[in-house]
PDB file of N, CA and C in Angstrom:
ATOM      1  N   MET A   1     -28.177   8.356   3.919  1.00  0.00           N
ATOM      2  CA  MET A   1     -26.810   7.861   3.779  1.00  0.00           C
ATOM      3  C   MET A   1     -26.241   7.553   5.166  1.00  0.00           C
ATOM      4  N   ALA A   2     -25.637   6.399   5.305  1.00  0.00           N
ATOM      5  CA  ALA A   2     -25.056   5.975   6.581  1.00  0.00           C
ATOM      6  C   ALA A   2     -23.826   6.813   6.916  1.00  0.00           C
ATOM      7  N   SER A   3     -23.553   6.929   8.190  1.00  0.00           N
ATOM      8  CA  SER A   3     -22.378   7.657   8.663  1.00  0.00           C
ATOM      9  C   SER A   3     -21.210   6.724   8.920  1.00  0.00           C
ATOM     10  N   PHE A   4     -21.214   5.553   8.262  1.00  0.00           N
ATOM     11  CA  PHE A   4     -20.111   4.605   8.397  1.00  0.00           C
ATOM     12  C   PHE A   4     -19.940   3.856   7.082  1.00  0.00           C
ATOM     13  N   LEU A   5     -18.784   3.261   6.917  1.00  0.00           N
ATOM     14  CA  LEU A   5     -18.486   2.408   5.765  1.00  0.00           C
ATOM     15  C   LEU A   5     -17.823   1.140   6.276  1.00  0.00           C
ATOM     16  N   THR A   6     -18.101   0.036   5.626  1.00  0.00           N
ATOM     17  CA  THR A   6     -17.385  -1.195   5.923  1.00  0.00           C
ATOM     18  C   THR A   6     -16.355  -1.415   4.815  1.00  0.00           C
ATOM     19  N   PHE A   7     -15.400  -2.259   5.073  1.00  0.00           N
ATOM     20  CA  PHE A   7     -14.373  -2.555   4.081  1.00  0.00           C
ATOM     21  C   PHE A   7     -14.799  -3.759   3.245  1.00  0.00           C
ATOM     22  N   ASP A   8     -16.005  -3.690   2.695  1.00  0.00           N
ATOM     23  CA  ASP A   8     -16.551  -4.730   1.832  1.00  0.00           C
ATOM     24  C   ASP A   8     -16.265  -4.342   0.385  1.00  0.00           C
ATOM     25  N   ILE A   9     -15.424  -5.121  -0.280  1.00  0.00           N
ATOM     26  CA  ILE A   9     -15.018  -4.767  -1.649  1.00  0.00           C
ATOM     27  C   ILE A   9     -15.724  -5.589  -2.715  1.00  0.00           C
ATOM     28  N   GLU A  10     -16.673  -6.405  -2.306  1.00  0.00           N
ATOM     29  CA  GLU A  10     -17.332  -7.320  -3.240  1.00  0.00           C
ATOM     30  C   GLU A  10     -17.953  -6.591  -4.430  1.00  0.00           C
ATOM     31  N   ASN A  11     -18.515  -5.412  -4.222  1.00  0.00           N
ATOM     32  CA  ASN A  11     -19.198  -4.694  -5.299  1.00  0.00           C
ATOM     33  C   ASN A  11     -18.409  -3.491  -5.813  1.00  0.00           C
ATOM     34  N   ILE A  12     -17.098  -3.452  -5.520  1.00  0.00           N
ATOM     35  CA  ILE A  12     -16.247  -2.358  -5.982  1.00  0.00           C
ATOM     36  C   ILE A  12     -15.300  -2.892  -7.051  1.00  0.00           C
ATOM     37  N   GLU A  13     -15.258  -2.212  -8.172  1.00  0.00           N
ATOM     38  CA  GLU A  13     -14.331  -2.587  -9.251  1.00  0.00           C
ATOM     39  C   GLU A  13     -12.943  -2.053  -8.901  1.00  0.00           C
ATOM     40  N   PRO A  14     -11.937  -2.929  -8.821  1.00  0.00           N
ATOM     41  CA  PRO A  14     -10.595  -2.447  -8.461  1.00  0.00           C
ATOM     42  C   PRO A  14      -9.944  -1.665  -9.594  1.00  0.00           C
ATOM     43  N   GLU A  15      -9.099  -0.721  -9.214  1.00  0.00           N
ATOM     44  CA  GLU A  15      -8.243  -0.033 -10.175  1.00  0.00           C
ATOM     45  C   GLU A  15      -6.975  -0.857 -10.322  1.00  0.00           C
ATOM     46  N   SER A  16      -6.465  -0.990 -11.529  1.00  0.00           N
ATOM     47  CA  SER A  16      -5.226  -1.733 -11.775  1.00  0.00           C
ATOM     48  C   SER A  16      -4.088  -0.750 -11.959  1.00  0.00           C
ATOM     49  N   GLY A  17      -2.888  -1.169 -11.566  1.00  0.00           N
ATOM     50  CA  GLY A  17      -1.730  -0.298 -11.729  1.00  0.00           C
ATOM     51  C   GLY A  17      -0.441  -1.046 -11.512  1.00  0.00           C
ATOM     52  N   ALA A  18       0.632  -0.294 -11.512  1.00  0.00           N
ATOM     53  CA  ALA A  18       1.978  -0.827 -11.313  1.00  0.00           C
ATOM     54  C   ALA A  18       2.883   0.346 -10.957  1.00  0.00           C
ATOM     55  N   PRO A  19       4.028   0.058 -10.357  1.00  0.00           N
ATOM     56  CA  PRO A  19       4.973   1.158 -10.108  1.00  0.00           C
ATOM     57  C   PRO A  19       5.461   1.720 -11.437  1.00  0.00           C
ATOM     58  N   PRO A  20       5.853   2.985 -11.463  1.00  0.00           N
ATOM     59  CA  PRO A  20       6.464   3.518 -12.682  1.00  0.00           C
ATOM     60  C   PRO A  20       7.676   2.664 -13.068  1.00  0.00           C
ATOM     61  N   SER A  21       7.844   2.427 -14.340  1.00  0.00           N
ATOM     62  CA  SER A  21       8.902   1.518 -14.808  1.00  0.00           C
ATOM     63  C   SER A  21      10.297   1.948 -14.355  1.00  0.00           C
ATOM     64  N   ASP A  22      10.525   3.262 -14.200  1.00  0.00           N
ATOM     65  CA  ASP A  22      11.859   3.715 -13.789  1.00  0.00           C
ATOM     66  C   ASP A  22      12.124   3.498 -12.299  1.00  0.00           C
ATOM     67  N   ARG A  23      11.118   3.038 -11.538  1.00  0.00           N
ATOM     68  CA  ARG A  23      11.293   2.755 -10.112  1.00  0.00           C
ATOM     69  C   ARG A  23      11.411   1.260  -9.820  1.00  0.00           C
ATOM     70  N   ILE A  24      11.114   0.422 -10.802  1.00  0.00           N
ATOM     71  CA  ILE A  24      11.146  -1.022 -10.583  1.00  0.00           C
ATOM     72  C   ILE A  24      12.596  -1.500 -10.504  1.00  0.00           C
ATOM     73  N   ILE A  25      12.879  -2.271  -9.460  1.00  0.00           N
ATOM     74  CA  ILE A  25      14.213  -2.840  -9.234  1.00  0.00           C
ATOM     75  C   ILE A  25      14.228  -4.309  -9.663  1.00  0.00           C
ATOM     76  N   ALA A  26      13.146  -5.030  -9.378  1.00  0.00           N
ATOM     77  CA  ALA A  26      13.085  -6.459  -9.708  1.00  0.00           C
ATOM     78  C   ALA A  26      11.634  -6.875  -9.953  1.00  0.00           C
ATOM     79  N   GLY A  27      11.458  -7.862 -10.825  1.00  0.00           N
ATOM     80  CA  GLY A  27      10.141  -8.432 -11.071  1.00  0.00           C
ATOM     81  C   GLY A  27       9.257  -7.553 -11.937  1.00  0.00           C
ATOM     82  N   GLU A  28       7.983  -7.939 -11.979  1.00  0.00           N
ATOM     83  CA  GLU A  28       6.969  -7.200 -12.722  1.00  0.00           C
ATOM     84  C   GLU A  28       5.747  -7.008 -11.824  1.00  0.00           C
ATOM     85  N   PRO A  29       5.910  -6.240 -10.730  1.00  0.00           N
ATOM     86  CA  PRO A  29       4.807  -6.091  -9.787  1.00  0.00           C
ATOM     87  C   PRO A  29       3.606  -5.377 -10.399  1.00  0.00           C
ATOM     88  N   THR A  30       2.422  -5.809  -9.985  1.00  0.00           N
ATOM     89  CA  THR A  30       1.180  -5.148 -10.387  1.00  0.00           C
ATOM     90  C   THR A  30       0.362  -4.885  -9.129  1.00  0.00           C
ATOM     91  N   PHE A  31      -0.528  -3.910  -9.226  1.00  0.00           N
ATOM     92  CA  PHE A  31      -1.378  -3.516  -8.106  1.00  0.00           C
ATOM     93  C   PHE A  31      -2.847  -3.643  -8.476  1.00  0.00           C
ATOM     94  N   ARG A  32      -3.652  -3.867  -7.453  1.00  0.00           N
ATOM     95  CA  ARG A  32      -5.103  -3.680  -7.540  1.00  0.00           C
ATOM     96  C   ARG A  32      -5.488  -2.867  -6.309  1.00  0.00           C
ATOM     97  N   THR A  33      -6.296  -1.846  -6.521  1.00  0.00           N
ATOM     98  CA  THR A  33      -6.704  -0.962  -5.428  1.00  0.00           C
ATOM     99  C   THR A  33      -8.211  -0.820  -5.432  1.00  0.00           C
ATOM    100  N   TRP A  34      -8.807  -1.075  -4.268  1.00  0.00           N
ATOM    101  CA  TRP A  34     -10.242  -0.884  -4.078  1.00  0.00           C
ATOM    102  C   TRP A  34     -10.399   0.365  -3.212  1.00  0.00           C
ATOM    103  N   ASN A  35     -10.755   1.492  -3.813  1.00  0.00           N
ATOM    104  CA  ASN A  35     -10.958   2.731  -3.063  1.00  0.00           C
ATOM    105  C   ASN A  35     -12.348   2.695  -2.435  1.00  0.00           C
ATOM    106  N   ILE A  36     -12.375   2.708  -1.121  1.00  0.00           N
ATOM    107  CA  ILE A  36     -13.636   2.634  -0.388  1.00  0.00           C
ATOM    108  C   ILE A  36     -14.110   4.022   0.017  1.00  0.00           C
ATOM    109  N   GLU A  37     -13.177   4.912   0.328  1.00  0.00           N
ATOM    110  CA  GLU A  37     -13.522   6.260   0.776  1.00  0.00           C
ATOM    111  C   GLU A  37     -12.570   7.272   0.192  1.00  0.00           C
ATOM    112  N   GLU A  38     -13.130   8.358  -0.330  1.00  0.00           N
ATOM    113  CA  GLU A  38     -12.367   9.528  -0.753  1.00  0.00           C
ATOM    114  C   GLU A  38     -13.083  10.715  -0.136  1.00  0.00           C
ATOM    115  N   ALA A  39     -12.546  11.215   0.962  1.00  0.00           N
ATOM    116  CA  ALA A  39     -13.201  12.287   1.713  1.00  0.00           C
ATOM    117  C   ALA A  39     -12.521  13.621   1.454  1.00  0.00           C
ATOM    118  N   GLU A  40     -13.266  14.684   1.732  1.00  0.00           N
ATOM    119  CA  GLU A  40     -12.726  16.029   1.590  1.00  0.00           C
ATOM    120  C   GLU A  40     -11.451  16.176   2.413  1.00  0.00           C
ATOM    121  N   GLY A  41     -10.569  17.011   1.934  1.00  0.00           N
ATOM    122  CA  GLY A  41      -9.328  17.257   2.653  1.00  0.00           C
ATOM    123  C   GLY A  41      -8.218  16.281   2.306  1.00  0.00           C
ATOM    124  N   GLY A  42      -8.415  15.452   1.265  1.00  0.00           N
ATOM    125  CA  GLY A  42      -7.360  14.540   0.828  1.00  0.00           C
ATOM    126  C   GLY A  42      -7.205  13.310   1.686  1.00  0.00           C
ATOM    127  N   LEU A  43      -8.328  12.739   2.138  1.00  0.00           N
ATOM    128  CA  LEU A  43      -8.306  11.519   2.943  1.00  0.00           C
ATOM    129  C   LEU A  43      -8.830  10.362   2.104  1.00  0.00           C
ATOM    130  N   TYR A  44      -8.093   9.259   2.073  1.00  0.00           N
ATOM    131  CA  TYR A  44      -8.447   8.085   1.281  1.00  0.00           C
ATOM    132  C   TYR A  44      -8.343   6.841   2.143  1.00  0.00           C
ATOM    133  N   ALA A  45      -9.221   5.870   1.888  1.00  0.00           N
ATOM    134  CA  ALA A  45      -9.161   4.595   2.604  1.00  0.00           C
ATOM    135  C   ALA A  45      -9.587   3.497   1.649  1.00  0.00           C
ATOM    136  N   GLY A  46      -8.984   2.322   1.808  1.00  0.00           N
ATOM    137  CA  GLY A  46      -9.337   1.207   0.945  1.00  0.00           C
ATOM    138  C   GLY A  46      -8.454   0.004   1.184  1.00  0.00           C
ATOM    139  N   ILE A  47      -8.405  -0.822   0.158  1.00  0.00           N
ATOM    140  CA  ILE A  47      -7.613  -2.052   0.203  1.00  0.00           C
ATOM    141  C   ILE A  47      -6.725  -2.076  -1.030  1.00  0.00           C
ATOM    142  N   TRP A  48      -5.488  -2.507  -0.833  1.00  0.00           N
ATOM    143  CA  TRP A  48      -4.479  -2.534  -1.904  1.00  0.00           C
ATOM    144  C   TRP A  48      -3.841  -3.909  -1.932  1.00  0.00           C
ATOM    145  N   GLU A  49      -3.599  -4.398  -3.131  1.00  0.00           N
ATOM    146  CA  GLU A  49      -2.941  -5.691  -3.323  1.00  0.00           C
ATOM    147  C   GLU A  49      -1.794  -5.506  -4.310  1.00  0.00           C
ATOM    148  N   ALA A  50      -0.668  -6.148  -4.024  1.00  0.00           N
ATOM    149  CA  ALA A  50       0.487  -6.085  -4.920  1.00  0.00           C
ATOM    150  C   ALA A  50       1.071  -7.478  -5.097  1.00  0.00           C
ATOM    151  N   THR A  51       1.531  -7.751  -6.319  1.00  0.00           N
ATOM    152  CA  THR A  51       2.165  -9.027  -6.639  1.00  0.00           C
ATOM    153  C   THR A  51       3.678  -8.877  -6.483  1.00  0.00           C
ATOM    154  N   PRO A  52       4.404  -9.996  -6.439  1.00  0.00           N
ATOM    155  CA  PRO A  52       5.844  -9.947  -6.168  1.00  0.00           C
ATOM    156  C   PRO A  52       6.652  -9.045  -7.100  1.00  0.00           C
ATOM    157  N   GLY A  53       7.630  -8.408  -6.491  1.00  0.00           N
ATOM    158  CA  GLY A  53       8.546  -7.510  -7.173  1.00  0.00           C
ATOM    159  C   GLY A  53       9.127  -6.546  -6.158  1.00  0.00           C
ATOM    160  N   LYS A  54      10.013  -5.683  -6.628  1.00  0.00           N
ATOM    161  CA  LYS A  54      10.654  -4.695  -5.747  1.00  0.00           C
ATOM    162  C   LYS A  54      10.774  -3.386  -6.507  1.00  0.00           C
ATOM    163  N   TRP A  55      10.467  -2.272  -5.802  1.00  0.00           N
ATOM    164  CA  TRP A  55      10.528  -0.971  -6.434  1.00  0.00           C
ATOM    165  C   TRP A  55      10.862   0.093  -5.395  1.00  0.00           C
ATOM    166  N   ARG A  56      11.315   1.241  -5.893  1.00  0.00           N
ATOM    167  CA  ARG A  56      11.617   2.392  -5.034  1.00  0.00           C
ATOM    168  C   ARG A  56      10.319   3.111  -4.696  1.00  0.00           C
ATOM    169  N   ILE A  57      10.235   3.592  -3.436  1.00  0.00           N
ATOM    170  CA  ILE A  57       9.088   4.385  -3.006  1.00  0.00           C
ATOM    171  C   ILE A  57       9.573   5.706  -2.428  1.00  0.00           C
ATOM    172  N   ALA A  58       8.765   6.740  -2.590  1.00  0.00           N
ATOM    173  CA  ALA A  58       9.029   8.060  -2.018  1.00  0.00           C
ATOM    174  C   ALA A  58       7.666   8.637  -1.633  1.00  0.00           C
ATOM    175  N   TYR A  59       7.450   8.826  -0.347  1.00  0.00           N
ATOM    176  CA  TYR A  59       6.145   9.264   0.152  1.00  0.00           C
ATOM    177  C   TYR A  59       6.093  10.774   0.338  1.00  0.00           C
ATOM    178  N   GLU A  60       5.076  11.382  -0.244  1.00  0.00           N
ATOM    179  CA  GLU A  60       4.754  12.779   0.012  1.00  0.00           C
ATOM    180  C   GLU A  60       3.530  12.846   0.921  1.00  0.00           C
ATOM    181  N   GLU A  61       2.826  11.728   1.041  1.00  0.00           N
ATOM    182  CA  GLU A  61       1.618  11.640   1.843  1.00  0.00           C
ATOM    183  C   GLU A  61       1.903  10.895   3.147  1.00  0.00           C
ATOM    184  N   TRP A  62       0.931  10.906   4.057  1.00  0.00           N
ATOM    185  CA  TRP A  62       0.968  10.153   5.304  1.00  0.00           C
ATOM    186  C   TRP A  62       0.089   8.936   5.098  1.00  0.00           C
ATOM    187  N   GLU A  63       0.577   7.759   5.490  1.00  0.00           N
ATOM    188  CA  GLU A  63      -0.214   6.538   5.316  1.00  0.00           C
ATOM    189  C   GLU A  63      -0.093   5.626   6.527  1.00  0.00           C
ATOM    190  N   TYR A  64      -1.246   5.156   6.983  1.00  0.00           N
ATOM    191  CA  TYR A  64      -1.335   4.064   7.955  1.00  0.00           C
ATOM    192  C   TYR A  64      -1.841   2.856   7.189  1.00  0.00           C
ATOM    193  N   PHE A  65      -1.240   1.685   7.449  1.00  0.00           N
ATOM    194  CA  PHE A  65      -1.774   0.470   6.840  1.00  0.00           C
ATOM    195  C   PHE A  65      -1.605  -0.718   7.761  1.00  0.00           C
ATOM    196  N   SER A  66      -2.416  -1.730   7.478  1.00  0.00           N
ATOM    197  CA  SER A  66      -2.367  -2.996   8.198  1.00  0.00           C
ATOM    198  C   SER A  66      -2.319  -4.102   7.160  1.00  0.00           C
ATOM    199  N   VAL A  67      -1.341  -4.976   7.270  1.00  0.00           N
ATOM    200  CA  VAL A  67      -1.193  -6.076   6.315  1.00  0.00           C
ATOM    201  C   VAL A  67      -2.213  -7.158   6.658  1.00  0.00           C
ATOM    202  N   LEU A  68      -2.983  -7.556   5.654  1.00  0.00           N
ATOM    203  CA  LEU A  68      -4.006  -8.585   5.830  1.00  0.00           C
ATOM    204  C   LEU A  68      -3.495  -9.969   5.455  1.00  0.00           C
ATOM    205  N   SER A  69      -2.626 -10.030   4.452  1.00  0.00           N
ATOM    206  CA  SER A  69      -2.041 -11.311   4.042  1.00  0.00           C
ATOM    207  C   SER A  69      -0.788 -11.048   3.216  1.00  0.00           C
ATOM    208  N   GLY A  70       0.039 -12.087   3.080  1.00  0.00           N
ATOM    209  CA  GLY A  70       1.248 -11.986   2.276  1.00  0.00           C
ATOM    210  C   GLY A  70       2.472 -11.638   3.095  1.00  0.00           C
ATOM    211  N   HIS A  71       3.529 -11.276   2.374  1.00  0.00           N
ATOM    212  CA  HIS A  71       4.817 -10.935   2.997  1.00  0.00           C
ATOM    213  C   HIS A  71       5.475  -9.869   2.136  1.00  0.00           C
ATOM    214  N   SER A  72       5.743  -8.731   2.749  1.00  0.00           N
ATOM    215  CA  SER A  72       6.458  -7.643   2.094  1.00  0.00           C
ATOM    216  C   SER A  72       7.607  -7.194   2.981  1.00  0.00           C
ATOM    217  N   ILE A  73       8.579  -6.552   2.360  1.00  0.00           N
ATOM    218  CA  ILE A  73       9.705  -5.975   3.088  1.00  0.00           C
ATOM    219  C   ILE A  73       9.798  -4.508   2.695  1.00  0.00           C
ATOM    220  N   VAL A  74       9.673  -3.627   3.696  1.00  0.00           N
ATOM    221  CA  VAL A  74       9.816  -2.195   3.475  1.00  0.00           C
ATOM    222  C   VAL A  74      11.133  -1.779   4.118  1.00  0.00           C
ATOM    223  N   THR A  75      11.967  -1.086   3.335  1.00  0.00           N
ATOM    224  CA  THR A  75      13.281  -0.667   3.827  1.00  0.00           C
ATOM    225  C   THR A  75      13.472   0.817   3.561  1.00  0.00           C
ATOM    226  N   GLU A  76      13.688   1.572   4.627  1.00  0.00           N
ATOM    227  CA  GLU A  76      13.991   2.988   4.459  1.00  0.00           C
ATOM    228  C   GLU A  76      15.445   3.128   4.027  1.00  0.00           C
ATOM    229  N   ASP A  77      15.721   4.086   3.150  1.00  0.00           N
ATOM    230  CA  ASP A  77      17.108   4.326   2.729  1.00  0.00           C
ATOM    231  C   ASP A  77      17.988   4.463   3.964  1.00  0.00           C
ATOM    232  N   GLY A  78      19.040   3.660   4.036  1.00  0.00           N
ATOM    233  CA  GLY A  78      19.972   3.690   5.155  1.00  0.00           C
ATOM    234  C   GLY A  78      19.485   2.959   6.394  1.00  0.00           C
ATOM    235  N   GLY A  79      18.296   2.338   6.332  1.00  0.00           N
ATOM    236  CA  GLY A  79      17.729   1.664   7.495  1.00  0.00           C
ATOM    237  C   GLY A  79      17.698   0.152   7.348  1.00  0.00           C
ATOM    238  N   GLU A  80      17.152  -0.493   8.345  1.00  0.00           N
ATOM    239  CA  GLU A  80      17.027  -1.952   8.359  1.00  0.00           C
ATOM    240  C   GLU A  80      15.732  -2.385   7.691  1.00  0.00           C
ATOM    241  N   PRO A  81      15.717  -3.542   7.024  1.00  0.00           N
ATOM    242  CA  PRO A  81      14.490  -4.053   6.410  1.00  0.00           C
ATOM    243  C   PRO A  81      13.436  -4.375   7.474  1.00  0.00           C
ATOM    244  N   MET A  82      12.197  -4.026   7.179  1.00  0.00           N
ATOM    245  CA  MET A  82      11.060  -4.344   8.045  1.00  0.00           C
ATOM    246  C   MET A  82      10.221  -5.396   7.330  1.00  0.00           C
ATOM    247  N   HIS A  83      10.211  -6.622   7.850  1.00  0.00           N
ATOM    248  CA  HIS A  83       9.415  -7.705   7.273  1.00  0.00           C
ATOM    249  C   HIS A  83       7.986  -7.562   7.774  1.00  0.00           C
ATOM    250  N   LEU A  84       7.045  -7.488   6.855  1.00  0.00           N
ATOM    251  CA  LEU A  84       5.641  -7.273   7.193  1.00  0.00           C
ATOM    252  C   LEU A  84       4.801  -8.464   6.751  1.00  0.00           C
ATOM    253  N   ARG A  85       4.011  -8.976   7.701  1.00  0.00           N
ATOM    254  CA  ARG A  85       3.119 -10.100   7.442  1.00  0.00           C
ATOM    255  C   ARG A  85       1.763  -9.788   8.054  1.00  0.00           C
ATOM    256  N   ALA A  86       0.802 -10.671   7.846  1.00  0.00           N
ATOM    257  CA  ALA A  86      -0.559 -10.462   8.336  1.00  0.00           C
ATOM    258  C   ALA A  86      -0.545 -10.017   9.799  1.00  0.00           C
ATOM    259  N   GLY A  87      -1.269  -8.943  10.077  1.00  0.00           N
ATOM    260  CA  GLY A  87      -1.358  -8.403  11.424  1.00  0.00           C
ATOM    261  C   GLY A  87      -0.379  -7.279  11.706  1.00  0.00           C
ATOM    262  N   ASP A  88       0.650  -7.114  10.871  1.00  0.00           N
ATOM    263  CA  ASP A  88       1.611  -6.027  11.074  1.00  0.00           C
ATOM    264  C   ASP A  88       1.020  -4.714  10.573  1.00  0.00           C
ATOM    265  N   ARG A  89       1.354  -3.642  11.294  1.00  0.00           N
ATOM    266  CA  ARG A  89       0.861  -2.321  10.961  1.00  0.00           C
ATOM    267  C   ARG A  89       2.035  -1.352  10.892  1.00  0.00           C
ATOM    268  N   MET A  90       1.855  -0.310  10.089  1.00  0.00           N
ATOM    269  CA  MET A  90       2.940   0.647   9.922  1.00  0.00           C
ATOM    270  C   MET A  90       2.360   2.001   9.552  1.00  0.00           C
ATOM    271  N   ILE A  91       3.083   3.057   9.908  1.00  0.00           N
ATOM    272  CA  ILE A  91       2.797   4.402   9.426  1.00  0.00           C
ATOM    273  C   ILE A  91       4.021   4.850   8.636  1.00  0.00           C
ATOM    274  N   LEU A  92       3.784   5.302   7.412  1.00  0.00           N
ATOM    275  CA  LEU A  92       4.835   5.908   6.594  1.00  0.00           C
ATOM    276  C   LEU A  92       4.526   7.399   6.523  1.00  0.00           C
ATOM    277  N   ARG A  93       5.489   8.203   6.901  1.00  0.00           N
ATOM    278  CA  ARG A  93       5.304   9.652   6.958  1.00  0.00           C
ATOM    279  C   ARG A  93       5.833  10.317   5.693  1.00  0.00           C
ATOM    280  N   PRO A  94       5.352  11.535   5.425  1.00  0.00           N
ATOM    281  CA  PRO A  94       5.894  12.281   4.287  1.00  0.00           C
ATOM    282  C   PRO A  94       7.414  12.392   4.412  1.00  0.00           C
ATOM    283  N   GLY A  95       8.097  12.190   3.309  1.00  0.00           N
ATOM    284  CA  GLY A  95       9.559  12.229   3.296  1.00  0.00           C
ATOM    285  C   GLY A  95      10.199  10.853   3.337  1.00  0.00           C
ATOM    286  N   PHE A  96       9.392   9.795   3.612  1.00  0.00           N
ATOM    287  CA  PHE A  96       9.941   8.439   3.637  1.00  0.00           C
ATOM    288  C   PHE A  96      10.416   8.075   2.230  1.00  0.00           C
ATOM    289  N   LYS A  97      11.640   7.582   2.145  1.00  0.00           N
ATOM    290  CA  LYS A  97      12.204   7.112   0.873  1.00  0.00           C
ATOM    291  C   LYS A  97      12.858   5.774   1.118  1.00  0.00           C
ATOM    292  N   GLY A  98      12.686   4.854   0.182  1.00  0.00           N
ATOM    293  CA  GLY A  98      13.282   3.535   0.330  1.00  0.00           C
ATOM    294  C   GLY A  98      12.763   2.587  -0.721  1.00  0.00           C
ATOM    295  N   THR A  99      12.574   1.322  -0.314  1.00  0.00           N
ATOM    296  CA  THR A  99      12.087   0.304  -1.244  1.00  0.00           C
ATOM    297  C   THR A  99      10.935  -0.470  -0.616  1.00  0.00           C
ATOM    298  N   TRP A 100      10.090  -0.987  -1.497  1.00  0.00           N
ATOM    299  CA  TRP A 100       9.014  -1.899  -1.110  1.00  0.00           C
ATOM    300  C   TRP A 100       9.248  -3.168  -1.925  1.00  0.00           C
ATOM    301  N   GLU A 101       9.387  -4.287  -1.236  1.00  0.00           N
ATOM    302  CA  GLU A 101       9.556  -5.576  -1.904  1.00  0.00           C
ATOM    303  C   GLU A 101       8.418  -6.496  -1.486  1.00  0.00           C
ATOM    304  N   VAL A 102       7.683  -6.985  -2.464  1.00  0.00           N
ATOM    305  CA  VAL A 102       6.634  -7.963  -2.196  1.00  0.00           C
ATOM    306  C   VAL A 102       7.228  -9.341  -2.438  1.00  0.00           C
ATOM    307  N   VAL A 103       7.350 -10.131  -1.379  1.00  0.00           N
ATOM    308  CA  VAL A 103       7.889 -11.485  -1.453  1.00  0.00           C
ATOM    309  C   VAL A 103       6.761 -12.451  -1.818  1.00  0.00           C
ATOM    310  N   GLU A 104       5.619 -12.316  -1.131  1.00  0.00           N
ATOM    311  CA  GLU A 104       4.393 -13.069  -1.431  1.00  0.00           C
ATOM    312  C   GLU A 104       3.290 -12.041  -1.617  1.00  0.00           C
ATOM    313  N   THR A 105       2.447 -12.226  -2.627  1.00  0.00           N
ATOM    314  CA  THR A 105       1.372 -11.277  -2.904  1.00  0.00           C
ATOM    315  C   THR A 105       0.804 -10.750  -1.587  1.00  0.00           C
ATOM    316  N   THR A 106       0.775  -9.426  -1.474  1.00  0.00           N
ATOM    317  CA  THR A 106       0.413  -8.758  -0.229  1.00  0.00           C
ATOM    318  C   THR A 106      -0.892  -8.000  -0.389  1.00  0.00           C
ATOM    319  N   LEU A 107      -1.752  -8.143   0.620  1.00  0.00           N
ATOM    320  CA  LEU A 107      -3.019  -7.430   0.696  1.00  0.00           C
ATOM    321  C   LEU A 107      -2.990  -6.595   1.968  1.00  0.00           C
ATOM    322  N   LYS A 108      -3.322  -5.312   1.854  1.00  0.00           N
ATOM    323  CA  LYS A 108      -3.334  -4.440   3.030  1.00  0.00           C
ATOM    324  C   LYS A 108      -4.536  -3.514   2.949  1.00  0.00           C
ATOM    325  N   ASN A 109      -5.017  -3.068   4.123  1.00  0.00           N
ATOM    326  CA  ASN A 109      -5.960  -1.960   4.122  1.00  0.00           C
ATOM    327  C   ASN A 109      -5.175  -0.712   4.491  1.00  0.00           C
ATOM    328  N   TYR A 110      -5.664   0.443   4.090  1.00  0.00           N
ATOM    329  CA  TYR A 110      -4.888   1.670   4.268  1.00  0.00           C
ATOM    330  C   TYR A 110      -5.804   2.866   4.523  1.00  0.00           C
ATOM    331  N   VAL A 111      -5.197   3.869   5.141  1.00  0.00           N
ATOM    332  CA  VAL A 111      -5.768   5.205   5.256  1.00  0.00           C
ATOM    333  C   VAL A 111      -4.644   6.159   4.893  1.00  0.00           C
ATOM    334  N   ILE A 112      -4.906   7.014   3.905  1.00  0.00           N
ATOM    335  CA  ILE A 112      -3.897   7.946   3.411  1.00  0.00           C
ATOM    336  C   ILE A 112      -4.426   9.372   3.579  1.00  0.00           C
ATOM    337  N   ARG A 113      -3.537  10.254   4.031  1.00  0.00           N
ATOM    338  CA  ARG A 113      -3.857  11.671   4.084  1.00  0.00           C
ATOM    339  C   ARG A 113      -2.846  12.420   3.264  1.00  0.00           C
ATOM    340  N   ILE A 114      -3.340  13.149   2.300  1.00  0.00           N
ATOM    341  CA  ILE A 114      -2.468  13.900   1.397  1.00  0.00           C
ATOM    342  C   ILE A 114      -2.203  15.273   1.974  1.00  0.00           C
TER     343      ILE A 114
END
């Protein structure tokens, strides 16, 4: 077994999902997630895609991500909107609360620690 992984999703079946209905503010957003790594200690890595819509988010986990394509707006409660496009990176820490709005279908890679 190799000691590395690439972010090649060609042979991975994505998981489908959506925000909980009570968190949706606008639209009918849907998700596809390609989980590439699930390591001991609650570490996850993969690729996530979301279609347009807006919903409330509340993070209990730590997440680093890099936007690969699309346009999203992440806004912390009481804060300024952060427009995210290809090449933008962000860390969301436990306790982050706000909204995620997908303006154009967004694709990102991520690393999450629970």
